[in-house]
Amino acid sequence: MLNVPQARENLVAHITVPDYTAWRARFDAAPQDGAPAGISGTTLFRNIDDDSLLVLVDAAGAEEARQWAHGGWKTTVPEQGQVGAPAFYLGVDADIALATEGPMNVLVRFQLSDYGTWHGLFQYMETSRVSGGVTNSRVFRNIHDGNDVLVLADIAGAQRARDWLIVDQLTGYPAATGVDKGTWRYITELPAGDGSQR
């Protein structure tokens, strides 16, 4: 898991855009150097099942992340064409996450060799994930590389999810598809006040 203050790809915005083509044109036209200080590495992932997107970025620290969530995101992520306000998730230090009781979220990134094979196995393992307290799993694919995948999920607790991962071996995916083991990040949704105010 990531040590958030020194982390990369530790902040994500979850947005919904019913007209992806129009929104994407605005996204591509945004200034490449428009991100606020301390924010870099903007990567866009598209949900395979609905109109939502994940925007994955690097934040230098928690304060930079919160400033981006407060409105700094609008310099690089078009507000026009979105439905509702974005939800923002911030990475949590593993030691803090494991000491925290109760529900959290997890973000997993996989680099695949064959998305179709991986997704079939991912669907097959749904019951196993639920038994480990991993629910509401949503798959997003990099808009430039369909074998670069993010999975956003709810977890009943960080320790329970880790125990399931060790026992049930989500790392069984590589054996079947040739992927890497994935990078797991505990994340938590920022309070509504840290998001966009309309």
N, C-alpha and C. Protein backbone atom coordinates (compact mmCIF):
# COMPACT_ATOMS: atom_id res chain seq x y z
N MET A 1 0.83 -1.19 0.00
CA MET A 1 0.00 0.00 0.00
C MET A 1 0.87 1.25 0.00
N LEU A 2 0.27 2.33 -0.35
CA LEU A 2 1.04 3.55 -0.51
C LEU A 2 1.22 4.32 0.78
N ASN A 3 2.38 4.96 0.90
CA ASN A 3 2.59 5.95 1.94
C ASN A 3 2.16 7.28 1.33
N VAL A 4 0.98 7.75 1.68
CA VAL A 4 0.31 8.82 0.94
C VAL A 4 1.15 10.08 0.76
N PRO A 5 1.83 10.60 1.78
CA PRO A 5 2.57 11.85 1.56
C PRO A 5 3.63 11.75 0.45
N GLN A 6 4.17 10.55 0.21
CA GLN A 6 5.16 10.39 -0.83
C GLN A 6 4.58 9.65 -2.05
N ALA A 7 3.26 9.53 -2.10
CA ALA A 7 2.62 8.69 -3.10
C ALA A 7 2.47 9.37 -4.45
N ARG A 8 2.37 8.53 -5.46
CA ARG A 8 1.91 8.97 -6.76
C ARG A 8 0.56 8.31 -7.00
N GLU A 9 -0.27 8.95 -7.84
CA GLU A 9 -1.59 8.41 -8.16
C GLU A 9 -2.38 8.12 -6.88
N ASN A 10 -2.46 9.12 -6.02
CA ASN A 10 -3.12 8.92 -4.74
C ASN A 10 -4.42 9.68 -4.60
N LEU A 11 -4.90 10.27 -5.70
CA LEU A 11 -6.12 11.06 -5.67
C LEU A 11 -6.92 10.77 -6.92
N VAL A 12 -8.23 10.58 -6.76
CA VAL A 12 -9.07 10.25 -7.91
C VAL A 12 -10.39 11.00 -7.82
N ALA A 13 -10.85 11.47 -8.97
CA ALA A 13 -12.18 12.10 -9.07
C ALA A 13 -13.08 11.15 -9.85
N HIS A 14 -14.28 10.92 -9.33
CA HIS A 14 -15.27 10.05 -9.98
C HIS A 14 -16.37 10.95 -10.53
N ILE A 15 -16.51 11.01 -11.84
CA ILE A 15 -17.47 11.92 -12.46
C ILE A 15 -18.37 11.15 -13.42
N THR A 16 -19.52 11.75 -13.76
CA THR A 16 -20.46 11.15 -14.70
C THR A 16 -20.69 12.10 -15.87
N VAL A 17 -20.52 11.60 -17.09
CA VAL A 17 -20.65 12.42 -18.30
C VAL A 17 -21.48 11.67 -19.34
N PRO A 18 -22.78 11.95 -19.42
CA PRO A 18 -23.65 11.23 -20.37
C PRO A 18 -23.24 11.39 -21.83
N ASP A 19 -22.69 12.55 -22.20
CA ASP A 19 -22.21 12.75 -23.57
C ASP A 19 -20.69 12.74 -23.55
N TYR A 20 -20.13 11.55 -23.60
CA TYR A 20 -18.69 11.39 -23.45
C TYR A 20 -17.93 12.09 -24.57
N THR A 21 -18.42 11.98 -25.80
CA THR A 21 -17.71 12.55 -26.94
C THR A 21 -17.53 14.06 -26.78
N ALA A 22 -18.61 14.76 -26.42
CA ALA A 22 -18.53 16.21 -26.25
C ALA A 22 -17.64 16.57 -25.06
N TRP A 23 -17.79 15.85 -23.96
CA TRP A 23 -16.97 16.14 -22.78
C TRP A 23 -15.50 15.86 -23.06
N ARG A 24 -15.23 14.78 -23.75
CA ARG A 24 -13.85 14.38 -24.05
C ARG A 24 -13.16 15.44 -24.91
N ALA A 25 -13.91 16.04 -25.86
CA ALA A 25 -13.32 17.10 -26.68
C ALA A 25 -12.88 18.27 -25.81
N ARG A 26 -13.68 18.60 -24.80
CA ARG A 26 -13.30 19.69 -23.89
C ARG A 26 -12.10 19.28 -23.03
N PHE A 27 -12.07 18.03 -22.61
CA PHE A 27 -10.95 17.53 -21.81
C PHE A 27 -9.65 17.60 -22.60
N ASP A 28 -9.70 17.17 -23.87
CA ASP A 28 -8.49 17.18 -24.70
C ASP A 28 -8.01 18.59 -25.01
N ALA A 29 -8.96 19.55 -24.99
CA ALA A 29 -8.60 20.94 -25.30
C ALA A 29 -8.08 21.70 -24.08
N ALA A 30 -8.20 21.11 -22.90
CA ALA A 30 -7.74 21.79 -21.68
C ALA A 30 -6.23 21.95 -21.72
N PRO A 31 -5.71 23.04 -21.15
CA PRO A 31 -4.25 23.26 -21.15
C PRO A 31 -3.50 22.10 -20.48
N GLN A 32 -2.45 21.65 -21.11
CA GLN A 32 -1.68 20.54 -20.56
C GLN A 32 -0.98 20.91 -19.26
N ASP A 33 -0.69 22.20 -19.09
CA ASP A 33 0.00 22.65 -17.89
C ASP A 33 -0.94 23.40 -16.95
N GLY A 34 -2.24 23.09 -17.03
CA GLY A 34 -3.22 23.84 -16.26
C GLY A 34 -3.43 23.38 -14.84
N ALA A 35 -2.83 22.26 -14.46
CA ALA A 35 -3.05 21.74 -13.11
C ALA A 35 -2.40 22.65 -12.07
N PRO A 36 -3.03 22.81 -10.91
CA PRO A 36 -2.45 23.62 -9.83
C PRO A 36 -1.13 23.02 -9.34
N ALA A 37 -0.36 23.82 -8.63
CA ALA A 37 0.90 23.35 -8.06
C ALA A 37 0.65 22.13 -7.18
N GLY A 38 1.51 21.14 -7.32
CA GLY A 38 1.38 19.94 -6.50
C GLY A 38 0.51 18.86 -7.10
N ILE A 39 -0.08 19.12 -8.28
CA ILE A 39 -0.94 18.15 -8.96
C ILE A 39 -0.35 17.85 -10.33
N SER A 40 -0.23 16.57 -10.66
CA SER A 40 0.32 16.19 -11.96
C SER A 40 -0.17 14.80 -12.34
N GLY A 41 0.20 14.37 -13.53
CA GLY A 41 -0.07 13.00 -13.95
C GLY A 41 -1.52 12.65 -14.19
N THR A 42 -2.30 13.55 -14.78
CA THR A 42 -3.72 13.29 -15.01
C THR A 42 -3.91 12.16 -16.02
N THR A 43 -4.62 11.09 -15.60
CA THR A 43 -4.92 9.95 -16.46
C THR A 43 -6.41 9.66 -16.38
N LEU A 44 -7.05 9.42 -17.53
CA LEU A 44 -8.49 9.24 -17.60
C LEU A 44 -8.85 7.78 -17.85
N PHE A 45 -9.81 7.27 -17.07
CA PHE A 45 -10.28 5.90 -17.19
C PHE A 45 -11.80 5.92 -17.34
N ARG A 46 -12.33 5.07 -18.23
CA ARG A 46 -13.76 5.05 -18.53
C ARG A 46 -14.41 3.77 -18.01
N ASN A 47 -15.56 3.92 -17.33
CA ASN A 47 -16.28 2.78 -16.78
C ASN A 47 -16.80 1.90 -17.91
N ILE A 48 -16.71 0.58 -17.73
CA ILE A 48 -17.15 -0.33 -18.78
C ILE A 48 -18.67 -0.52 -18.78
N ASP A 49 -19.37 -0.08 -17.72
CA ASP A 49 -20.80 -0.36 -17.58
C ASP A 49 -21.70 0.87 -17.60
N ASP A 50 -21.16 2.06 -17.38
CA ASP A 50 -22.02 3.23 -17.31
C ASP A 50 -21.30 4.47 -17.84
N ASP A 51 -21.86 5.65 -17.56
CA ASP A 51 -21.33 6.90 -18.11
C ASP A 51 -20.30 7.57 -17.19
N SER A 52 -19.73 6.84 -16.26
CA SER A 52 -18.82 7.48 -15.31
C SER A 52 -17.37 7.28 -15.71
N LEU A 53 -16.55 8.20 -15.20
CA LEU A 53 -15.12 8.21 -15.47
C LEU A 53 -14.37 8.36 -14.16
N LEU A 54 -13.13 7.89 -14.13
CA LEU A 54 -12.21 8.19 -13.05
C LEU A 54 -11.06 9.01 -13.61
N VAL A 55 -10.75 10.10 -12.92
CA VAL A 55 -9.58 10.91 -13.28
C VAL A 55 -8.55 10.68 -12.18
N LEU A 56 -7.47 10.02 -12.53
CA LEU A 56 -6.42 9.65 -11.58
C LEU A 56 -5.29 10.67 -11.67
N VAL A 57 -4.89 11.21 -10.54
CA VAL A 57 -3.83 12.23 -10.53
C VAL A 57 -2.83 11.95 -9.41
N ASP A 58 -1.70 12.63 -9.51
CA ASP A 58 -0.69 12.61 -8.46
C ASP A 58 -0.83 13.89 -7.64
N ALA A 59 -0.93 13.76 -6.33
CA ALA A 59 -0.96 14.92 -5.45
C ALA A 59 0.26 14.86 -4.54
N ALA A 60 0.93 16.01 -4.40
CA ALA A 60 2.15 16.05 -3.58
C ALA A 60 1.86 15.75 -2.12
N GLY A 61 0.65 16.04 -1.67
CA GLY A 61 0.29 15.80 -0.27
C GLY A 61 -1.20 15.99 -0.08
N ALA A 62 -1.67 15.76 1.15
CA ALA A 62 -3.09 15.83 1.44
C ALA A 62 -3.65 17.23 1.22
N GLU A 63 -2.87 18.26 1.55
CA GLU A 63 -3.37 19.63 1.39
C GLU A 63 -3.56 19.97 -0.08
N GLU A 64 -2.60 19.59 -0.92
CA GLU A 64 -2.74 19.82 -2.36
C GLU A 64 -3.94 19.05 -2.91
N ALA A 65 -4.15 17.84 -2.39
CA ALA A 65 -5.29 17.03 -2.83
C ALA A 65 -6.61 17.71 -2.49
N ARG A 66 -6.71 18.23 -1.29
CA ARG A 66 -7.96 18.88 -0.88
C ARG A 66 -8.20 20.17 -1.65
N GLN A 67 -7.14 20.91 -1.95
CA GLN A 67 -7.30 22.12 -2.74
C GLN A 67 -7.79 21.79 -4.15
N TRP A 68 -7.27 20.70 -4.70
CA TRP A 68 -7.72 20.27 -6.02
C TRP A 68 -9.20 19.89 -5.96
N ALA A 69 -9.58 19.17 -4.90
CA ALA A 69 -10.98 18.76 -4.76
C ALA A 69 -11.91 19.96 -4.52
N HIS A 70 -11.40 20.99 -3.88
CA HIS A 70 -12.22 22.18 -3.61
C HIS A 70 -12.54 22.97 -4.87
N GLY A 71 -11.86 22.71 -5.96
CA GLY A 71 -12.16 23.44 -7.19
C GLY A 71 -11.02 23.54 -8.15
N GLY A 72 -9.80 23.19 -7.69
CA GLY A 72 -8.65 23.23 -8.58
C GLY A 72 -8.77 22.29 -9.76
N TRP A 73 -9.60 21.25 -9.61
CA TRP A 73 -9.79 20.28 -10.69
C TRP A 73 -10.37 20.92 -11.94
N LYS A 74 -11.07 22.04 -11.79
CA LYS A 74 -11.76 22.65 -12.93
C LYS A 74 -10.78 23.21 -13.97
N THR A 75 -9.51 23.34 -13.60
CA THR A 75 -8.52 23.84 -14.57
C THR A 75 -8.12 22.78 -15.58
N THR A 76 -8.34 21.51 -15.25
CA THR A 76 -7.94 20.43 -16.15
C THR A 76 -9.07 19.47 -16.48
N VAL A 77 -10.12 19.44 -15.65
CA VAL A 77 -11.25 18.52 -15.85
C VAL A 77 -12.50 19.36 -16.12
N PRO A 78 -13.03 19.32 -17.35
CA PRO A 78 -14.18 20.17 -17.69
C PRO A 78 -15.39 19.92 -16.80
N GLU A 79 -15.95 20.99 -16.26
CA GLU A 79 -17.17 20.88 -15.46
C GLU A 79 -18.40 20.77 -16.35
N GLN A 80 -18.38 21.45 -17.49
CA GLN A 80 -19.51 21.42 -18.41
C GLN A 80 -19.72 20.00 -18.94
N GLY A 81 -20.96 19.55 -18.89
CA GLY A 81 -21.28 18.21 -19.39
C GLY A 81 -21.33 17.14 -18.32
N GLN A 82 -20.91 17.48 -17.09
CA GLN A 82 -20.99 16.52 -15.99
C GLN A 82 -22.39 16.53 -15.37
N VAL A 83 -22.78 15.40 -14.82
CA VAL A 83 -24.03 15.29 -14.07
C VAL A 83 -23.69 15.23 -12.59
N GLY A 84 -24.18 16.20 -11.83
CA GLY A 84 -23.89 16.22 -10.41
C GLY A 84 -22.44 16.63 -10.13
N ALA A 85 -22.10 16.62 -8.86
CA ALA A 85 -20.75 16.99 -8.44
C ALA A 85 -19.86 15.76 -8.41
N PRO A 86 -18.57 15.91 -8.71
CA PRO A 86 -17.66 14.77 -8.63
C PRO A 86 -17.52 14.26 -7.19
N ALA A 87 -17.18 13.00 -7.07
CA ALA A 87 -16.77 12.44 -5.78
C ALA A 87 -15.26 12.31 -5.83
N PHE A 88 -14.60 12.65 -4.72
CA PHE A 88 -13.14 12.61 -4.67
C PHE A 88 -12.68 11.60 -3.63
N TYR A 89 -11.68 10.81 -3.99
CA TYR A 89 -11.12 9.81 -3.10
C TYR A 89 -9.63 10.09 -2.93
N LEU A 90 -9.16 9.98 -1.70
CA LEU A 90 -7.76 10.24 -1.38
C LEU A 90 -7.13 9.01 -0.76
N GLY A 91 -5.90 8.71 -1.17
CA GLY A 91 -5.19 7.57 -0.62
C GLY A 91 -4.95 7.70 0.87
N VAL A 92 -5.00 6.57 1.55
CA VAL A 92 -4.80 6.52 3.00
C VAL A 92 -3.59 5.65 3.30
N ASP A 93 -2.71 6.13 4.16
CA ASP A 93 -1.54 5.36 4.56
C ASP A 93 -1.98 3.98 5.06
N ALA A 94 -1.26 2.94 4.64
CA ALA A 94 -1.65 1.57 4.98
C ALA A 94 -1.76 1.35 6.48
N ASP A 95 -0.81 1.88 7.26
CA ASP A 95 -0.85 1.67 8.71
C ASP A 95 -2.10 2.30 9.31
N ILE A 96 -2.48 3.48 8.81
CA ILE A 96 -3.69 4.14 9.30
C ILE A 96 -4.92 3.34 8.88
N ALA A 97 -4.93 2.90 7.63
CA ALA A 97 -6.08 2.15 7.12
C ALA A 97 -6.30 0.87 7.92
N LEU A 98 -5.23 0.14 8.18
CA LEU A 98 -5.36 -1.14 8.89
C LEU A 98 -5.77 -0.95 10.34
N ALA A 99 -5.52 0.24 10.87
CA ALA A 99 -5.91 0.52 12.26
C ALA A 99 -7.32 1.10 12.33
N THR A 100 -7.92 1.35 11.17
CA THR A 100 -9.25 1.96 11.12
C THR A 100 -10.30 0.87 11.00
N GLU A 101 -11.29 0.91 11.86
CA GLU A 101 -12.39 -0.04 11.77
C GLU A 101 -13.51 0.55 10.93
N GLY A 102 -14.21 -0.31 10.24
CA GLY A 102 -15.34 0.15 9.46
C GLY A 102 -15.05 0.24 7.98
N PRO A 103 -16.06 0.61 7.20
CA PRO A 103 -15.96 0.59 5.74
C PRO A 103 -15.00 1.63 5.19
N MET A 104 -14.38 1.28 4.08
CA MET A 104 -13.49 2.17 3.34
C MET A 104 -13.66 1.85 1.86
N ASN A 105 -12.73 2.32 1.06
CA ASN A 105 -12.71 2.00 -0.36
C ASN A 105 -11.32 1.51 -0.73
N VAL A 106 -11.25 0.85 -1.86
CA VAL A 106 -9.96 0.40 -2.36
C VAL A 106 -9.90 0.69 -3.86
N LEU A 107 -8.72 1.05 -4.32
CA LEU A 107 -8.48 1.30 -5.73
C LEU A 107 -7.33 0.39 -6.17
N VAL A 108 -7.58 -0.42 -7.19
CA VAL A 108 -6.58 -1.37 -7.65
C VAL A 108 -6.27 -1.09 -9.12
N ARG A 109 -4.99 -1.05 -9.46
CA ARG A 109 -4.61 -0.83 -10.85
C ARG A 109 -3.88 -2.06 -11.38
N PHE A 110 -4.35 -2.56 -12.53
CA PHE A 110 -3.75 -3.72 -13.17
C PHE A 110 -3.23 -3.35 -14.55
N GLN A 111 -2.08 -3.89 -14.91
CA GLN A 111 -1.61 -3.82 -16.29
C GLN A 111 -1.80 -5.21 -16.89
N LEU A 112 -2.71 -5.33 -17.85
CA LEU A 112 -3.12 -6.63 -18.38
C LEU A 112 -2.41 -6.97 -19.68
N SER A 113 -2.42 -8.27 -20.00
CA SER A 113 -1.98 -8.70 -21.33
C SER A 113 -3.19 -9.04 -22.19
N ASP A 114 -4.32 -9.38 -21.55
CA ASP A 114 -5.52 -9.76 -22.30
C ASP A 114 -6.73 -9.38 -21.46
N TYR A 115 -7.32 -8.22 -21.74
CA TYR A 115 -8.44 -7.72 -20.95
C TYR A 115 -9.61 -8.70 -20.94
N GLY A 116 -9.95 -9.29 -22.08
CA GLY A 116 -11.10 -10.18 -22.16
C GLY A 116 -10.97 -11.37 -21.22
N THR A 117 -9.81 -12.00 -21.21
CA THR A 117 -9.58 -13.15 -20.32
C THR A 117 -9.64 -12.71 -18.86
N TRP A 118 -8.98 -11.58 -18.56
CA TRP A 118 -8.99 -11.08 -17.18
C TRP A 118 -10.40 -10.75 -16.71
N HIS A 119 -11.19 -10.10 -17.56
CA HIS A 119 -12.52 -9.70 -17.13
C HIS A 119 -13.42 -10.90 -16.89
N GLY A 120 -13.26 -11.94 -17.68
CA GLY A 120 -14.03 -13.16 -17.44
C GLY A 120 -13.72 -13.75 -16.07
N LEU A 121 -12.45 -13.77 -15.70
CA LEU A 121 -12.06 -14.29 -14.39
C LEU A 121 -12.50 -13.34 -13.28
N PHE A 122 -12.44 -12.05 -13.54
CA PHE A 122 -12.89 -11.06 -12.56
C PHE A 122 -14.37 -11.28 -12.23
N GLN A 123 -15.18 -11.50 -13.23
CA GLN A 123 -16.61 -11.75 -13.00
C GLN A 123 -16.81 -13.07 -12.24
N TYR A 124 -16.04 -14.08 -12.60
CA TYR A 124 -16.14 -15.38 -11.94
C TYR A 124 -15.84 -15.28 -10.45
N MET A 125 -14.93 -14.38 -10.07
CA MET A 125 -14.50 -14.28 -8.68
C MET A 125 -15.36 -13.33 -7.83
N GLU A 126 -16.49 -12.88 -8.37
CA GLU A 126 -17.34 -11.94 -7.63
C GLU A 126 -17.75 -12.50 -6.27
N THR A 127 -18.20 -13.75 -6.22
CA THR A 127 -18.64 -14.34 -4.96
C THR A 127 -17.51 -14.38 -3.94
N SER A 128 -16.32 -14.70 -4.41
CA SER A 128 -15.16 -14.73 -3.53
C SER A 128 -14.87 -13.35 -2.97
N ARG A 129 -14.91 -12.32 -3.83
CA ARG A 129 -14.66 -10.96 -3.35
C ARG A 129 -15.67 -10.55 -2.29
N VAL A 130 -16.94 -10.83 -2.54
CA VAL A 130 -17.98 -10.46 -1.58
C VAL A 130 -17.75 -11.16 -0.25
N SER A 131 -17.30 -12.41 -0.28
CA SER A 131 -17.03 -13.13 0.97
C SER A 131 -15.92 -12.47 1.77
N GLY A 132 -15.06 -11.73 1.07
CA GLY A 132 -13.97 -11.02 1.74
C GLY A 132 -14.31 -9.58 2.08
N GLY A 133 -15.58 -9.21 1.88
CA GLY A 133 -15.99 -7.85 2.21
C GLY A 133 -15.68 -6.83 1.13
N VAL A 134 -15.39 -7.30 -0.08
CA VAL A 134 -15.10 -6.41 -1.21
C VAL A 134 -16.34 -6.39 -2.10
N THR A 135 -17.04 -5.26 -2.14
CA THR A 135 -18.31 -5.17 -2.87
C THR A 135 -18.32 -3.95 -3.79
N ASN A 136 -19.37 -3.89 -4.62
CA ASN A 136 -19.58 -2.74 -5.52
C ASN A 136 -18.35 -2.48 -6.38
N SER A 137 -17.75 -3.54 -6.91
CA SER A 137 -16.55 -3.40 -7.73
C SER A 137 -16.90 -2.85 -9.11
N ARG A 138 -16.24 -1.75 -9.48
CA ARG A 138 -16.48 -1.13 -10.77
C ARG A 138 -15.18 -1.08 -11.55
N VAL A 139 -15.24 -1.45 -12.83
CA VAL A 139 -14.05 -1.55 -13.67
C VAL A 139 -13.98 -0.36 -14.62
N PHE A 140 -12.80 0.26 -14.69
CA PHE A 140 -12.54 1.40 -15.56
C PHE A 140 -11.30 1.11 -16.40
N ARG A 141 -11.37 1.45 -17.70
CA ARG A 141 -10.23 1.20 -18.60
C ARG A 141 -9.61 2.51 -19.05
N ASN A 142 -8.29 2.55 -19.10
CA ASN A 142 -7.56 3.72 -19.57
C ASN A 142 -8.02 4.05 -20.99
N ILE A 143 -8.32 5.33 -21.25
CA ILE A 143 -8.83 5.71 -22.56
C ILE A 143 -7.80 5.51 -23.66
N HIS A 144 -6.53 5.42 -23.31
CA HIS A 144 -5.47 5.24 -24.30
C HIS A 144 -4.94 3.81 -24.36
N ASP A 145 -5.25 3.02 -23.35
CA ASP A 145 -4.72 1.65 -23.27
C ASP A 145 -5.74 0.78 -22.55
N GLY A 146 -6.52 0.00 -23.29
CA GLY A 146 -7.58 -0.82 -22.71
C GLY A 146 -7.10 -1.92 -21.80
N ASN A 147 -5.80 -2.19 -21.79
CA ASN A 147 -5.24 -3.19 -20.88
C ASN A 147 -4.72 -2.58 -19.58
N ASP A 148 -4.91 -1.27 -19.43
CA ASP A 148 -4.55 -0.57 -18.20
C ASP A 148 -5.88 -0.33 -17.47
N VAL A 149 -6.09 -1.02 -16.35
CA VAL A 149 -7.41 -1.08 -15.72
C VAL A 149 -7.36 -0.62 -14.27
N LEU A 150 -8.38 0.14 -13.87
CA LEU A 150 -8.61 0.48 -12.47
C LEU A 150 -9.87 -0.20 -11.99
N VAL A 151 -9.83 -0.71 -10.77
CA VAL A 151 -11.02 -1.25 -10.12
C VAL A 151 -11.26 -0.43 -8.85
N LEU A 152 -12.44 0.17 -8.74
CA LEU A 152 -12.84 0.92 -7.56
C LEU A 152 -13.88 0.09 -6.83
N ALA A 153 -13.67 -0.16 -5.54
CA ALA A 153 -14.58 -1.02 -4.79
C ALA A 153 -14.75 -0.52 -3.36
N ASP A 154 -15.83 -0.96 -2.74
CA ASP A 154 -16.06 -0.72 -1.32
C ASP A 154 -15.50 -1.91 -0.55
N ILE A 155 -14.96 -1.66 0.63
CA ILE A 155 -14.48 -2.76 1.46
C ILE A 155 -15.05 -2.62 2.87
N ALA A 156 -15.35 -3.75 3.50
CA ALA A 156 -15.91 -3.74 4.84
C ALA A 156 -14.89 -3.26 5.86
N GLY A 157 -13.62 -3.42 5.54
CA GLY A 157 -12.54 -2.97 6.42
C GLY A 157 -11.21 -3.35 5.79
N ALA A 158 -10.19 -2.52 6.02
CA ALA A 158 -8.90 -2.74 5.38
C ALA A 158 -8.28 -4.07 5.78
N GLN A 159 -8.37 -4.42 7.06
CA GLN A 159 -7.76 -5.66 7.52
C GLN A 159 -8.46 -6.87 6.92
N ARG A 160 -9.79 -6.81 6.87
CA ARG A 160 -10.54 -7.93 6.30
C ARG A 160 -10.21 -8.11 4.82
N ALA A 161 -10.11 -6.99 4.10
CA ALA A 161 -9.77 -7.07 2.67
C ALA A 161 -8.38 -7.64 2.48
N ARG A 162 -7.43 -7.23 3.32
CA ARG A 162 -6.07 -7.75 3.19
C ARG A 162 -6.03 -9.24 3.50
N ASP A 163 -6.77 -9.65 4.53
CA ASP A 163 -6.80 -11.08 4.87
C ASP A 163 -7.37 -11.89 3.71
N TRP A 164 -8.45 -11.37 3.09
CA TRP A 164 -9.03 -12.08 1.95
C TRP A 164 -8.04 -12.15 0.80
N LEU A 165 -7.34 -11.06 0.55
CA LEU A 165 -6.39 -11.01 -0.55
C LEU A 165 -5.30 -12.06 -0.37
N ILE A 166 -4.83 -12.21 0.84
CA ILE A 166 -3.77 -13.18 1.12
C ILE A 166 -4.28 -14.60 0.95
N VAL A 167 -5.48 -14.86 1.48
CA VAL A 167 -6.01 -16.23 1.46
C VAL A 167 -6.50 -16.62 0.07
N ASP A 168 -7.30 -15.75 -0.55
CA ASP A 168 -7.94 -16.10 -1.80
C ASP A 168 -7.10 -15.76 -3.02
N GLN A 169 -6.10 -14.92 -2.84
CA GLN A 169 -5.12 -14.62 -3.85
C GLN A 169 -5.72 -14.02 -5.11
N LEU A 170 -6.04 -12.73 -4.99
CA LEU A 170 -6.39 -12.00 -6.19
C LEU A 170 -5.22 -12.06 -7.16
N THR A 171 -4.04 -12.36 -6.63
CA THR A 171 -2.86 -12.49 -7.49
C THR A 171 -2.94 -13.76 -8.33
N GLY A 172 -4.03 -14.52 -8.22
CA GLY A 172 -4.26 -15.62 -9.16
C GLY A 172 -4.53 -15.11 -10.56
N TYR A 173 -4.90 -13.85 -10.69
CA TYR A 173 -5.12 -13.28 -12.01
C TYR A 173 -3.90 -13.40 -12.92
N PRO A 174 -2.70 -13.09 -12.44
CA PRO A 174 -1.55 -13.17 -13.33
C PRO A 174 -1.36 -14.55 -13.95
N ALA A 175 -1.60 -15.60 -13.16
CA ALA A 175 -1.39 -16.95 -13.66
C ALA A 175 -2.31 -17.23 -14.86
N ALA A 176 -3.50 -16.61 -14.84
CA ALA A 176 -4.46 -16.88 -15.91
C ALA A 176 -4.33 -15.92 -17.08
N THR A 177 -3.82 -14.74 -16.84
CA THR A 177 -3.86 -13.72 -17.89
C THR A 177 -2.51 -13.07 -18.19
N GLY A 178 -1.51 -13.36 -17.40
CA GLY A 178 -0.21 -12.76 -17.64
C GLY A 178 -0.10 -11.33 -17.16
N VAL A 179 -0.99 -10.91 -16.26
CA VAL A 179 -0.96 -9.54 -15.78
C VAL A 179 0.01 -9.42 -14.61
N ASP A 180 0.27 -8.16 -14.23
CA ASP A 180 1.01 -7.97 -13.00
C ASP A 180 0.07 -8.21 -11.82
N LYS A 181 0.57 -8.14 -10.61
CA LYS A 181 -0.25 -8.44 -9.43
C LYS A 181 -1.18 -7.29 -9.05
N GLY A 182 -1.03 -6.17 -9.69
CA GLY A 182 -1.89 -5.05 -9.36
C GLY A 182 -1.32 -4.23 -8.22
N THR A 183 -1.64 -2.96 -8.22
CA THR A 183 -1.23 -2.05 -7.15
C THR A 183 -2.47 -1.65 -6.36
N TRP A 184 -2.48 -2.03 -5.10
CA TRP A 184 -3.63 -1.77 -4.22
C TRP A 184 -3.40 -0.50 -3.42
N ARG A 185 -4.46 0.31 -3.34
CA ARG A 185 -4.41 1.53 -2.54
C ARG A 185 -5.67 1.62 -1.70
N TYR A 186 -5.53 1.75 -0.41
CA TYR A 186 -6.68 2.08 0.41
C TYR A 186 -7.01 3.55 0.17
N ILE A 187 -8.27 3.85 -0.07
CA ILE A 187 -8.67 5.22 -0.30
C ILE A 187 -9.93 5.51 0.51
N THR A 188 -10.19 6.77 0.73
CA THR A 188 -11.40 7.17 1.43
C THR A 188 -12.02 8.36 0.73
N GLU A 189 -13.35 8.39 0.66
CA GLU A 189 -14.02 9.49 -0.02
C GLU A 189 -13.94 10.75 0.83
N LEU A 190 -13.53 11.84 0.21
CA LEU A 190 -13.47 13.11 0.93
C LEU A 190 -14.88 13.58 1.26
N PRO A 191 -15.05 14.27 2.38
CA PRO A 191 -16.39 14.77 2.72
C PRO A 191 -16.97 15.63 1.60
N ALA A 192 -18.29 15.68 1.54
CA ALA A 192 -18.96 16.41 0.46
C ALA A 192 -18.47 17.85 0.38
N GLY A 193 -18.12 18.44 1.50
CA GLY A 193 -17.65 19.83 1.51
C GLY A 193 -16.33 20.02 0.80
N ASP A 194 -15.60 18.92 0.53
CA ASP A 194 -14.32 19.02 -0.17
C ASP A 194 -14.50 18.93 -1.68
N GLY A 195 -15.73 18.74 -2.13
CA GLY A 195 -15.97 18.61 -3.55
C GLY A 195 -16.42 19.90 -4.17
N SER A 196 -16.98 19.79 -5.36
CA SER A 196 -17.43 20.96 -6.10
C SER A 196 -18.68 21.53 -5.46
N GLN A 197 -18.72 22.83 -5.30
CA GLN A 197 -19.92 23.49 -4.80
C GLN A 197 -20.63 24.15 -5.96
N ARG A 198 -21.82 23.68 -6.27
CA ARG A 198 -22.56 24.22 -7.41
C ARG A 198 -23.50 25.34 -6.99
